[in-house]
């Protein structure tokens, strides 16, 4: 993706604040802008599977309703401490609400170097 394309790509999400489902599967994406989903508080599903993401760090703090984030079959080698913290926050918040919703974080089929950073909370392999 070229730099000028990133702005256009990001604008799509900024202008569509009511998005609930985002499927960007199998698009050869190599990165996702940090604040791509900052305006999308209604997001339920983000599917970024089967891309070429080697690094993944996005701001999910406004995605309070997120149920599924699919990062399966990318080239991820690690997750940043910030990303793990956000995943933990999503799991904790949604599991402590009265309706007991469990979000799914799928990071299967990636090439993590240090699986101990991920721990037993998420599935990988």
N, C-alpha and C. Protein backbone atom coordinates (compact mmCIF):
# COMPACT_ATOMS: atom_id res chain seq x y z
N UNK A 1 0.84 -1.16 0.00
CA UNK A 1 0.00 0.00 0.00
C UNK A 1 0.90 1.24 0.00
N UNK A 2 0.61 2.18 -0.86
CA UNK A 2 1.39 3.41 -0.95
C UNK A 2 0.91 4.40 0.11
N UNK A 3 1.76 5.35 0.44
CA UNK A 3 1.44 6.34 1.47
C UNK A 3 0.14 7.08 1.15
N UNK A 4 -0.05 7.51 -0.09
CA UNK A 4 -1.27 8.23 -0.43
C UNK A 4 -2.50 7.33 -0.32
N UNK A 5 -2.32 6.03 -0.54
CA UNK A 5 -3.43 5.09 -0.41
C UNK A 5 -3.85 4.92 1.05
N UNK A 6 -2.91 5.07 1.97
CA UNK A 6 -3.21 4.90 3.39
C UNK A 6 -4.24 5.92 3.84
N UNK A 7 -4.09 7.17 3.40
CA UNK A 7 -5.04 8.21 3.78
C UNK A 7 -6.43 7.90 3.24
N UNK A 8 -6.53 7.50 1.99
CA UNK A 8 -7.83 7.14 1.42
C UNK A 8 -8.42 5.94 2.14
N UNK A 9 -7.60 4.96 2.41
CA UNK A 9 -8.01 3.75 3.12
C UNK A 9 -8.55 4.11 4.50
N UNK A 10 -7.83 4.95 5.22
CA UNK A 10 -8.25 5.38 6.56
C UNK A 10 -9.53 6.20 6.52
N UNK A 11 -9.68 7.04 5.50
CA UNK A 11 -10.88 7.87 5.37
C UNK A 11 -12.16 7.04 5.29
N UNK A 12 -12.08 5.88 4.68
CA UNK A 12 -13.25 5.01 4.57
C UNK A 12 -13.78 4.67 5.95
N UNK A 13 -12.90 4.39 6.88
CA UNK A 13 -13.31 4.00 8.22
C UNK A 13 -13.74 5.20 9.05
N UNK A 14 -13.07 6.32 8.87
CA UNK A 14 -13.43 7.54 9.60
C UNK A 14 -14.83 7.99 9.22
N UNK A 15 -15.17 7.91 7.93
CA UNK A 15 -16.46 8.37 7.45
C UNK A 15 -17.61 7.41 7.75
N UNK A 16 -17.32 6.17 8.07
CA UNK A 16 -18.35 5.16 8.32
C UNK A 16 -18.32 4.73 9.78
N UNK A 17 -18.76 5.62 10.64
CA UNK A 17 -18.68 5.40 12.09
C UNK A 17 -19.57 4.26 12.58
N UNK A 18 -20.56 3.86 11.79
CA UNK A 18 -21.49 2.81 12.21
C UNK A 18 -21.07 1.41 11.76
N UNK A 19 -19.87 1.28 11.24
CA UNK A 19 -19.39 -0.04 10.81
C UNK A 19 -19.42 -1.03 11.96
N UNK A 20 -19.93 -2.22 11.68
CA UNK A 20 -19.94 -3.28 12.68
C UNK A 20 -19.04 -4.44 12.29
N UNK A 21 -18.89 -4.68 10.99
CA UNK A 21 -18.11 -5.81 10.50
C UNK A 21 -17.13 -5.33 9.44
N UNK A 22 -15.87 -5.68 9.60
CA UNK A 22 -14.83 -5.33 8.63
C UNK A 22 -14.12 -6.60 8.20
N UNK A 23 -14.28 -6.95 6.93
CA UNK A 23 -13.58 -8.10 6.36
C UNK A 23 -12.51 -7.59 5.40
N UNK A 24 -11.27 -7.74 5.78
CA UNK A 24 -10.14 -7.36 4.92
C UNK A 24 -9.25 -8.58 4.70
N UNK A 25 -9.87 -9.71 4.67
CA UNK A 25 -9.18 -11.00 4.52
C UNK A 25 -8.55 -11.10 3.13
N UNK A 26 -7.33 -11.66 3.11
CA UNK A 26 -6.66 -12.00 1.86
C UNK A 26 -6.52 -10.81 0.91
N UNK A 27 -5.96 -9.72 1.42
CA UNK A 27 -5.73 -8.52 0.62
C UNK A 27 -4.26 -8.13 0.51
N UNK A 28 -3.39 -9.00 0.96
CA UNK A 28 -1.94 -8.75 0.93
C UNK A 28 -1.54 -7.51 1.72
N UNK A 29 -2.30 -7.19 2.74
CA UNK A 29 -1.96 -6.04 3.58
C UNK A 29 -0.67 -6.33 4.33
N UNK A 30 0.23 -5.36 4.34
CA UNK A 30 1.49 -5.52 5.07
C UNK A 30 1.47 -4.73 6.38
N UNK A 31 0.55 -3.79 6.51
CA UNK A 31 0.40 -3.05 7.76
C UNK A 31 -1.01 -2.48 7.83
N UNK A 32 -1.38 -2.12 9.04
CA UNK A 32 -2.67 -1.48 9.29
C UNK A 32 -2.36 -0.21 10.08
N UNK A 33 -2.85 0.95 9.65
CA UNK A 33 -2.57 2.19 10.37
C UNK A 33 -3.02 2.11 11.83
N UNK A 34 -2.23 2.66 12.72
CA UNK A 34 -2.46 2.60 14.16
C UNK A 34 -3.88 2.99 14.56
N UNK A 35 -4.39 4.09 14.04
CA UNK A 35 -5.70 4.60 14.46
C UNK A 35 -6.81 4.31 13.45
N UNK A 36 -6.64 3.27 12.67
CA UNK A 36 -7.61 2.95 11.62
C UNK A 36 -9.03 2.81 12.15
N UNK A 37 -9.21 2.18 13.30
CA UNK A 37 -10.55 1.91 13.81
C UNK A 37 -10.95 2.82 14.97
N UNK A 38 -10.25 3.92 15.14
CA UNK A 38 -10.49 4.82 16.26
C UNK A 38 -11.90 5.41 16.26
N UNK A 39 -12.49 5.60 15.10
CA UNK A 39 -13.83 6.19 15.00
C UNK A 39 -14.95 5.16 14.98
N UNK A 40 -14.61 3.89 15.09
CA UNK A 40 -15.59 2.82 14.88
C UNK A 40 -15.91 2.09 16.18
N UNK A 41 -16.63 2.75 17.06
CA UNK A 41 -16.94 2.16 18.37
C UNK A 41 -17.97 1.04 18.29
N UNK A 42 -18.64 0.88 17.16
CA UNK A 42 -19.67 -0.16 17.02
C UNK A 42 -19.13 -1.46 16.42
N UNK A 43 -17.83 -1.50 16.17
CA UNK A 43 -17.24 -2.69 15.55
C UNK A 43 -17.48 -3.95 16.38
N UNK A 44 -17.92 -5.00 15.70
CA UNK A 44 -18.13 -6.31 16.32
C UNK A 44 -17.08 -7.31 15.84
N UNK A 45 -16.74 -7.23 14.55
CA UNK A 45 -15.83 -8.20 13.94
C UNK A 45 -14.79 -7.47 13.08
N UNK A 46 -13.53 -7.84 13.27
CA UNK A 46 -12.44 -7.39 12.40
C UNK A 46 -11.74 -8.64 11.90
N UNK A 47 -11.78 -8.85 10.60
CA UNK A 47 -11.12 -10.02 10.01
C UNK A 47 -9.98 -9.54 9.12
N UNK A 48 -8.77 -9.72 9.60
CA UNK A 48 -7.55 -9.36 8.85
C UNK A 48 -6.76 -10.62 8.51
N UNK A 49 -7.42 -11.75 8.47
CA UNK A 49 -6.74 -13.02 8.24
C UNK A 49 -6.20 -13.11 6.82
N UNK A 50 -5.21 -13.98 6.65
CA UNK A 50 -4.63 -14.29 5.35
C UNK A 50 -4.08 -13.07 4.63
N UNK A 51 -3.39 -12.22 5.38
CA UNK A 51 -2.69 -11.08 4.81
C UNK A 51 -1.19 -11.30 5.02
N UNK A 52 -0.42 -10.24 4.95
CA UNK A 52 1.03 -10.35 5.10
C UNK A 52 1.53 -9.48 6.24
N UNK A 53 0.73 -9.38 7.29
CA UNK A 53 1.09 -8.56 8.44
C UNK A 53 2.21 -9.21 9.23
N UNK A 54 3.34 -8.53 9.33
CA UNK A 54 4.45 -9.02 10.15
C UNK A 54 4.42 -8.36 11.52
N UNK A 55 3.80 -7.20 11.59
CA UNK A 55 3.71 -6.43 12.83
C UNK A 55 2.27 -5.96 12.94
N UNK A 56 1.72 -6.03 14.12
CA UNK A 56 0.33 -5.61 14.30
C UNK A 56 0.22 -4.80 15.58
N UNK A 57 -0.04 -3.52 15.42
CA UNK A 57 -0.24 -2.64 16.56
C UNK A 57 -1.26 -1.59 16.16
N UNK A 58 -2.48 -1.76 16.61
CA UNK A 58 -3.53 -0.78 16.31
C UNK A 58 -4.20 -0.37 17.60
N UNK A 59 -4.88 0.74 17.55
CA UNK A 59 -5.59 1.26 18.70
C UNK A 59 -7.01 0.70 18.69
N UNK A 60 -7.30 -0.19 19.63
CA UNK A 60 -8.64 -0.79 19.74
C UNK A 60 -9.42 -0.24 20.92
N UNK A 61 -8.93 0.81 21.53
CA UNK A 61 -9.55 1.32 22.75
C UNK A 61 -11.00 1.76 22.56
N UNK A 62 -11.37 2.21 21.38
CA UNK A 62 -12.76 2.62 21.17
C UNK A 62 -13.65 1.46 20.69
N UNK A 63 -13.05 0.32 20.38
CA UNK A 63 -13.82 -0.84 19.89
C UNK A 63 -14.35 -1.65 21.07
N UNK A 64 -15.19 -1.02 21.87
CA UNK A 64 -15.66 -1.61 23.12
C UNK A 64 -16.62 -2.78 22.91
N UNK A 65 -17.19 -2.92 21.72
CA UNK A 65 -18.14 -4.00 21.44
C UNK A 65 -17.53 -5.15 20.64
N UNK A 66 -16.23 -5.10 20.43
CA UNK A 66 -15.55 -6.09 19.59
C UNK A 66 -15.73 -7.51 20.12
N UNK A 67 -16.16 -8.41 19.24
CA UNK A 67 -16.38 -9.82 19.59
C UNK A 67 -15.32 -10.73 18.98
N UNK A 68 -14.80 -10.34 17.82
CA UNK A 68 -13.85 -11.20 17.12
C UNK A 68 -12.81 -10.35 16.42
N UNK A 69 -11.57 -10.71 16.61
CA UNK A 69 -10.50 -10.15 15.79
C UNK A 69 -9.72 -11.34 15.26
N UNK A 70 -9.69 -11.46 13.94
CA UNK A 70 -9.07 -12.62 13.29
C UNK A 70 -7.79 -12.18 12.59
N UNK A 71 -6.68 -12.68 13.09
CA UNK A 71 -5.35 -12.39 12.52
C UNK A 71 -4.69 -13.66 12.01
N UNK A 72 -5.48 -14.68 11.81
CA UNK A 72 -4.97 -15.98 11.39
C UNK A 72 -4.24 -15.88 10.05
N UNK A 73 -3.19 -16.67 9.92
CA UNK A 73 -2.41 -16.78 8.69
C UNK A 73 -1.87 -15.44 8.18
N UNK A 74 -1.14 -14.79 9.05
CA UNK A 74 -0.36 -13.62 8.68
C UNK A 74 1.10 -13.99 8.89
N UNK A 75 1.95 -13.02 8.97
CA UNK A 75 3.38 -13.27 9.20
C UNK A 75 3.82 -12.72 10.55
N UNK A 76 2.89 -12.64 11.47
CA UNK A 76 3.19 -12.08 12.79
C UNK A 76 4.27 -12.90 13.48
N UNK A 77 5.23 -12.18 14.02
CA UNK A 77 6.31 -12.83 14.76
C UNK A 77 6.21 -12.52 16.25
N UNK A 78 5.54 -11.43 16.58
CA UNK A 78 5.34 -11.06 17.98
C UNK A 78 4.17 -10.09 18.08
N UNK A 79 3.71 -9.90 19.28
CA UNK A 79 2.70 -8.88 19.56
C UNK A 79 3.32 -7.90 20.55
N UNK A 80 3.08 -6.62 20.34
CA UNK A 80 3.63 -5.62 21.24
C UNK A 80 2.95 -5.73 22.60
N UNK A 81 3.61 -5.21 23.61
CA UNK A 81 3.03 -5.19 24.96
C UNK A 81 1.72 -4.41 24.95
N UNK A 82 1.67 -3.34 24.16
CA UNK A 82 0.45 -2.54 24.03
C UNK A 82 -0.70 -3.36 23.46
N UNK A 83 -0.42 -4.18 22.46
CA UNK A 83 -1.45 -5.00 21.84
C UNK A 83 -1.96 -6.06 22.82
N UNK A 84 -1.05 -6.69 23.53
CA UNK A 84 -1.45 -7.70 24.51
C UNK A 84 -2.29 -7.05 25.61
N UNK A 85 -1.90 -5.85 26.02
CA UNK A 85 -2.66 -5.12 27.04
C UNK A 85 -4.08 -4.82 26.54
N UNK A 86 -4.20 -4.41 25.28
CA UNK A 86 -5.53 -4.13 24.73
C UNK A 86 -6.37 -5.40 24.62
N UNK A 87 -5.76 -6.50 24.19
CA UNK A 87 -6.49 -7.77 24.13
C UNK A 87 -6.96 -8.17 25.52
N UNK A 88 -6.07 -8.06 26.51
CA UNK A 88 -6.45 -8.40 27.89
C UNK A 88 -7.59 -7.52 28.38
N UNK A 89 -7.52 -6.24 28.05
CA UNK A 89 -8.56 -5.31 28.46
C UNK A 89 -9.91 -5.69 27.85
N UNK A 90 -9.91 -6.06 26.57
CA UNK A 90 -11.15 -6.49 25.91
C UNK A 90 -11.71 -7.74 26.59
N UNK A 91 -10.84 -8.70 26.86
CA UNK A 91 -11.28 -9.94 27.51
C UNK A 91 -11.84 -9.66 28.90
N UNK A 92 -11.13 -8.85 29.68
CA UNK A 92 -11.56 -8.56 31.04
C UNK A 92 -12.87 -7.79 31.05
N UNK A 93 -12.94 -6.73 30.25
CA UNK A 93 -14.14 -5.88 30.24
C UNK A 93 -15.37 -6.68 29.85
N UNK A 94 -15.28 -7.41 28.77
CA UNK A 94 -16.46 -8.10 28.28
C UNK A 94 -16.84 -9.29 29.15
N UNK A 95 -15.89 -9.89 29.84
CA UNK A 95 -16.22 -11.01 30.71
C UNK A 95 -16.76 -10.56 32.06
N UNK A 96 -16.62 -9.29 32.37
CA UNK A 96 -17.13 -8.78 33.64
C UNK A 96 -18.44 -8.03 33.49
N UNK A 97 -18.99 -7.99 32.30
CA UNK A 97 -20.30 -7.39 32.10
C UNK A 97 -21.36 -8.43 32.38
N UNK A 98 -22.56 -7.97 32.66
CA UNK A 98 -23.63 -8.87 33.08
C UNK A 98 -24.01 -9.91 32.04
N UNK A 99 -23.84 -9.62 30.76
CA UNK A 99 -24.24 -10.59 29.74
C UNK A 99 -23.12 -11.57 29.38
N UNK A 100 -21.98 -11.47 30.03
CA UNK A 100 -20.87 -12.43 29.91
C UNK A 100 -20.55 -12.78 28.46
N UNK A 101 -20.06 -11.83 27.71
CA UNK A 101 -19.64 -12.04 26.33
C UNK A 101 -18.16 -12.33 26.29
N UNK A 102 -17.77 -13.31 25.51
CA UNK A 102 -16.36 -13.64 25.39
C UNK A 102 -15.88 -13.32 23.98
N UNK A 103 -15.01 -12.33 23.81
CA UNK A 103 -14.49 -12.04 22.48
C UNK A 103 -13.49 -13.12 22.05
N UNK A 104 -13.39 -13.30 20.76
CA UNK A 104 -12.45 -14.28 20.21
C UNK A 104 -11.30 -13.52 19.56
N UNK A 105 -10.09 -13.89 19.94
CA UNK A 105 -8.89 -13.31 19.37
C UNK A 105 -8.13 -14.45 18.72
N UNK A 106 -8.18 -14.53 17.40
CA UNK A 106 -7.59 -15.65 16.67
C UNK A 106 -6.26 -15.22 16.06
N UNK A 107 -5.18 -15.80 16.56
CA UNK A 107 -3.85 -15.51 16.01
C UNK A 107 -3.18 -16.80 15.55
N UNK A 108 -3.99 -17.79 15.18
CA UNK A 108 -3.47 -19.07 14.70
C UNK A 108 -2.66 -18.90 13.42
N UNK A 109 -1.76 -19.84 13.21
CA UNK A 109 -0.97 -19.94 11.97
C UNK A 109 -0.12 -18.70 11.72
N UNK A 110 0.54 -18.22 12.75
CA UNK A 110 1.54 -17.17 12.63
C UNK A 110 2.87 -17.74 13.09
N UNK A 111 3.93 -16.97 13.00
CA UNK A 111 5.28 -17.47 13.26
C UNK A 111 5.88 -16.81 14.50
N UNK A 112 5.18 -16.86 15.62
CA UNK A 112 5.65 -16.18 16.81
C UNK A 112 6.98 -16.74 17.29
N UNK A 113 7.91 -15.82 17.57
CA UNK A 113 9.22 -16.21 18.09
C UNK A 113 9.14 -16.53 19.57
N UNK A 114 8.45 -15.70 20.31
CA UNK A 114 8.39 -15.86 21.76
C UNK A 114 6.95 -16.10 22.18
N UNK A 115 6.56 -17.35 22.18
CA UNK A 115 5.18 -17.71 22.51
C UNK A 115 4.86 -17.45 23.98
N UNK A 116 5.87 -17.29 24.81
CA UNK A 116 5.63 -17.02 26.23
C UNK A 116 5.00 -15.65 26.44
N UNK A 117 5.22 -14.72 25.51
CA UNK A 117 4.59 -13.40 25.61
C UNK A 117 3.09 -13.49 25.47
N UNK A 118 2.64 -14.46 24.73
CA UNK A 118 1.22 -14.62 24.47
C UNK A 118 0.56 -15.40 25.60
N UNK A 119 1.28 -16.35 26.14
CA UNK A 119 0.74 -17.12 27.25
C UNK A 119 -0.37 -18.05 26.81
N UNK A 120 -1.18 -18.44 27.74
CA UNK A 120 -2.24 -19.41 27.47
C UNK A 120 -3.57 -18.74 27.18
N UNK A 121 -3.59 -17.41 27.12
CA UNK A 121 -4.85 -16.70 26.92
C UNK A 121 -5.34 -16.75 25.49
N UNK A 122 -4.42 -16.85 24.54
CA UNK A 122 -4.78 -16.79 23.13
C UNK A 122 -4.31 -18.05 22.44
N UNK A 123 -4.99 -18.44 21.38
CA UNK A 123 -4.58 -19.62 20.62
C UNK A 123 -3.63 -19.21 19.52
N UNK A 124 -2.58 -19.95 19.36
CA UNK A 124 -1.63 -19.73 18.28
C UNK A 124 -1.15 -21.09 17.82
N UNK A 125 -0.49 -21.13 16.68
CA UNK A 125 0.05 -22.41 16.24
C UNK A 125 0.25 -22.46 14.76
